[in-house]
Amino acid sequence: QVQLVESGGGLVQAGGSLRLSCAASGSILRINVMGWYRQAPGKQRELVATATSGGTTKYADSVKGRFTISRDNAKNTVYLQMNSLKPEDTAVYYCNLKILMSDYWGQGTQVTVSS
């Protein structure tokens, strides 16, 4: 069984920064993809950023240049450094782990950016 535990959300003013963390535990293959998705009220869940175990990263256009995803493979942990936050970044952020054909999700952490 795989579990994902997120931390680091909160309330920040526009222009501020937050760092999210997600630690995975359980039966985790070394080859996988970890990432972050977000869902704002009334909107569909959308990709924010992903990082493969080999180091390849991918970002949504809306966060490029502001957010940085990184991971510590030894700790099965993924991070999301969010800088220059905007009110439109307000959402519940979910950690995701893809192993082969399986998807695992964290419980979500709220990020609120005030104007």
C-alpha atoms as a PDB file:
ATOM      1  CA  GLN A   1       0.000   0.000   0.000  1.00  0.00           C
ATOM      2  CA  VAL A   2       1.246   3.474  -0.887  1.00  0.00           C
ATOM      3  CA  GLN A   3       0.608   6.573   1.223  1.00  0.00           C
ATOM      4  CA  LEU A   4       1.349  10.193   0.422  1.00  0.00           C
ATOM      5  CA  VAL A   5       1.577  12.807   3.162  1.00  0.00           C
ATOM      6  CA  GLU A   6       1.631  16.456   2.182  1.00  0.00           C
ATOM      7  CA  SER A   7       2.639  19.502   4.169  1.00  0.00           C
ATOM      8  CA  GLY A   8       3.427  23.175   3.691  1.00  0.00           C
ATOM      9  CA  GLY A   9       0.220  24.811   2.544  1.00  0.00           C
ATOM     10  CA  GLY A  10      -1.154  27.983   4.064  1.00  0.00           C
ATOM     11  CA  LEU A  11      -2.103  31.611   3.582  1.00  0.00           C
ATOM     12  CA  VAL A  12       0.307  34.033   1.931  1.00  0.00           C
ATOM     13  CA  GLN A  13       0.115  37.467   0.388  1.00  0.00           C
ATOM     14  CA  ALA A  14       0.531  37.971  -3.332  1.00  0.00           C
ATOM     15  CA  GLY A  15       4.196  37.994  -4.243  1.00  0.00           C
ATOM     16  CA  GLY A  16       5.078  35.692  -1.379  1.00  0.00           C
ATOM     17  CA  SER A  17       6.450  32.170  -1.325  1.00  0.00           C
ATOM     18  CA  LEU A  18       5.493  28.759  -0.006  1.00  0.00           C
ATOM     19  CA  ARG A  19       7.125  25.362  -0.141  1.00  0.00           C
ATOM     20  CA  LEU A  20       5.085  22.180  -0.326  1.00  0.00           C
ATOM     21  CA  SER A  21       6.426  18.758   0.591  1.00  0.00           C
ATOM     22  CA  CYS A  22       5.067  15.294  -0.071  1.00  0.00           C
ATOM     23  CA  ALA A  23       6.538  12.128   1.398  1.00  0.00           C
ATOM     24  CA  ALA A  24       5.609   8.764  -0.073  1.00  0.00           C
ATOM     25  CA  SER A  25       5.770   5.513   1.841  1.00  0.00           C
ATOM     26  CA  GLY A  26       4.977   1.884   1.092  1.00  0.00           C
ATOM     27  CA  SER A  27       5.796  -0.279  -1.910  1.00  0.00           C
ATOM     28  CA  ILE A  28       7.397   2.205  -4.279  1.00  0.00           C
ATOM     29  CA  LEU A  29       9.294   1.221  -7.371  1.00  0.00           C
ATOM     30  CA  ARG A  30      12.410   3.227  -8.117  1.00  0.00           C
ATOM     31  CA  ILE A  31      11.098   4.238 -11.537  1.00  0.00           C
ATOM     32  CA  ASN A  32       8.142   6.556 -11.047  1.00  0.00           C
ATOM     33  CA  VAL A  33       6.765  10.033 -11.546  1.00  0.00           C
ATOM     34  CA  MET A  34       5.904  12.362  -8.682  1.00  0.00           C
ATOM     35  CA  GLY A  35       4.127  15.619  -9.095  1.00  0.00           C
ATOM     36  CA  TRP A  36       1.663  18.237  -8.009  1.00  0.00           C
ATOM     37  CA  TYR A  37      -1.822  19.014  -9.248  1.00  0.00           C
ATOM     38  CA  ARG A  38      -4.240  21.666  -8.048  1.00  0.00           C
ATOM     39  CA  GLN A  39      -7.958  22.242  -7.997  1.00  0.00           C
ATOM     40  CA  ALA A  40      -9.577  25.614  -7.504  1.00  0.00           C
ATOM     41  CA  PRO A  41     -13.263  25.935  -6.520  1.00  0.00           C
ATOM     42  CA  GLY A  42     -15.502  25.207  -9.478  1.00  0.00           C
ATOM     43  CA  LYS A  43     -12.623  24.129 -11.682  1.00  0.00           C
ATOM     44  CA  GLN A  44     -11.143  20.844 -12.791  1.00  0.00           C
ATOM     45  CA  ARG A  45      -7.978  19.469 -11.282  1.00  0.00           C
ATOM     46  CA  GLU A  46      -4.982  20.564 -13.336  1.00  0.00           C
ATOM     47  CA  LEU A  47      -1.336  19.635 -13.572  1.00  0.00           C
ATOM     48  CA  VAL A  48       1.106  21.997 -11.899  1.00  0.00           C
ATOM     49  CA  ALA A  49       4.433  20.192 -12.224  1.00  0.00           C
ATOM     50  CA  THR A  50       5.874  16.686 -12.419  1.00  0.00           C
ATOM     51  CA  ALA A  51       9.312  15.157 -11.999  1.00  0.00           C
ATOM     52  CA  THR A  52      10.425  11.690 -13.029  1.00  0.00           C
ATOM     53  CA  SER A  53      12.771   9.599 -10.945  1.00  0.00           C
ATOM     54  CA  GLY A  54      15.328  10.255 -13.682  1.00  0.00           C
ATOM     55  CA  GLY A  55      15.101  14.010 -13.201  1.00  0.00           C
ATOM     56  CA  THR A  56      12.924  15.132 -16.089  1.00  0.00           C
ATOM     57  CA  THR A  57      10.548  17.914 -15.100  1.00  0.00           C
ATOM     58  CA  LYS A  58       7.406  19.348 -16.631  1.00  0.00           C
ATOM     59  CA  TYR A  59       5.487  22.506 -15.729  1.00  0.00           C
ATOM     60  CA  ALA A  60       2.175  24.093 -16.538  1.00  0.00           C
ATOM     61  CA  ASP A  61       2.662  27.268 -18.554  1.00  0.00           C
ATOM     62  CA  SER A  62       0.976  29.282 -15.819  1.00  0.00           C
ATOM     63  CA  VAL A  63       3.691  28.460 -13.268  1.00  0.00           C
ATOM     64  CA  LYS A  64       6.834  28.359 -15.396  1.00  0.00           C
ATOM     65  CA  GLY A  65       9.516  30.632 -14.003  1.00  0.00           C
ATOM     66  CA  ARG A  66       7.763  30.900 -10.630  1.00  0.00           C
ATOM     67  CA  PHE A  67       7.486  27.320  -9.335  1.00  0.00           C
ATOM     68  CA  THR A  68      10.245  24.742  -9.034  1.00  0.00           C
ATOM     69  CA  ILE A  69       9.697  21.035  -8.487  1.00  0.00           C
ATOM     70  CA  SER A  70      12.415  18.873  -6.984  1.00  0.00           C
ATOM     71  CA  ARG A  71      12.658  15.474  -5.409  1.00  0.00           C
ATOM     72  CA  ASP A  72      14.783  13.418  -3.089  1.00  0.00           C
ATOM     73  CA  ASN A  73      14.655   9.877  -4.431  1.00  0.00           C
ATOM     74  CA  ALA A  74      16.311   8.420  -1.348  1.00  0.00           C
ATOM     75  CA  LYS A  75      13.473   9.811   0.780  1.00  0.00           C
ATOM     76  CA  ASN A  76      10.696   9.321  -1.804  1.00  0.00           C
ATOM     77  CA  THR A  77       9.853  12.961  -1.279  1.00  0.00           C
ATOM     78  CA  VAL A  78       8.858  15.640  -3.762  1.00  0.00           C
ATOM     79  CA  TYR A  79       8.890  19.378  -3.158  1.00  0.00           C
ATOM     80  CA  LEU A  80       7.259  22.338  -4.820  1.00  0.00           C
ATOM     81  CA  GLN A  81       8.851  25.724  -4.255  1.00  0.00           C
ATOM     82  CA  MET A  82       6.324  28.392  -5.157  1.00  0.00           C
ATOM     83  CA  ASN A  83       7.548  31.956  -5.595  1.00  0.00           C
ATOM     84  CA  SER A  84       5.847  35.131  -6.786  1.00  0.00           C
ATOM     85  CA  LEU A  85       2.489  33.678  -5.833  1.00  0.00           C
ATOM     86  CA  LYS A  86      -0.631  35.162  -7.356  1.00  0.00           C
ATOM     87  CA  PRO A  87      -4.256  35.090  -6.164  1.00  0.00           C
ATOM     88  CA  GLU A  88      -5.052  32.798  -9.102  1.00  0.00           C
ATOM     89  CA  ASP A  89      -2.716  30.200  -7.581  1.00  0.00           C
ATOM     90  CA  THR A  90      -5.248  29.716  -4.788  1.00  0.00           C
ATOM     91  CA  ALA A  91      -6.334  26.077  -4.790  1.00  0.00           C
ATOM     92  CA  VAL A  92      -6.070  22.749  -3.041  1.00  0.00           C
ATOM     93  CA  TYR A  93      -2.756  21.232  -4.083  1.00  0.00           C
ATOM     94  CA  TYR A  94      -2.549  17.460  -4.416  1.00  0.00           C
ATOM     95  CA  CYS A  95       0.549  15.320  -4.500  1.00  0.00           C
ATOM     96  CA  ASN A  96       0.531  12.541  -7.093  1.00  0.00           C
ATOM     97  CA  LEU A  97       2.644   9.426  -7.546  1.00  0.00           C
ATOM     98  CA  LYS A  98       2.513   7.359 -10.721  1.00  0.00           C
ATOM     99  CA  ILE A  99       3.953   3.846 -10.641  1.00  0.00           C
ATOM    100  CA  LEU A 100       3.473   1.862 -13.842  1.00  0.00           C
ATOM    101  CA  MET A 101      -0.289   2.035 -14.471  1.00  0.00           C
ATOM    102  CA  SER A 102      -1.253   3.088 -10.928  1.00  0.00           C
ATOM    103  CA  ASP A 103      -2.017   6.565  -9.608  1.00  0.00           C
ATOM    104  CA  TYR A 104      -1.796   7.531  -5.948  1.00  0.00           C
ATOM    105  CA  TRP A 105      -2.982  10.796  -4.406  1.00  0.00           C
ATOM    106  CA  GLY A 106      -2.357  12.725  -1.249  1.00  0.00           C
ATOM    107  CA  GLN A 107      -5.146  14.226   0.821  1.00  0.00           C
ATOM    108  CA  GLY A 108      -4.514  17.741  -0.485  1.00  0.00           C
ATOM    109  CA  THR A 109      -3.231  20.904   1.129  1.00  0.00           C
ATOM    110  CA  GLN A 110      -4.854  24.324   0.837  1.00  0.00           C
ATOM    111  CA  VAL A 111      -2.883  27.215  -0.608  1.00  0.00           C
ATOM    112  CA  THR A 112      -4.531  30.620  -0.365  1.00  0.00           C
ATOM    113  CA  VAL A 113      -2.969  33.728  -1.874  1.00  0.00           C
ATOM    114  CA  SER A 114      -4.471  37.044  -0.811  1.00  0.00           C
ATOM    115  CA  SER A 115      -4.326  40.143  -2.985  1.00  0.00           C
END
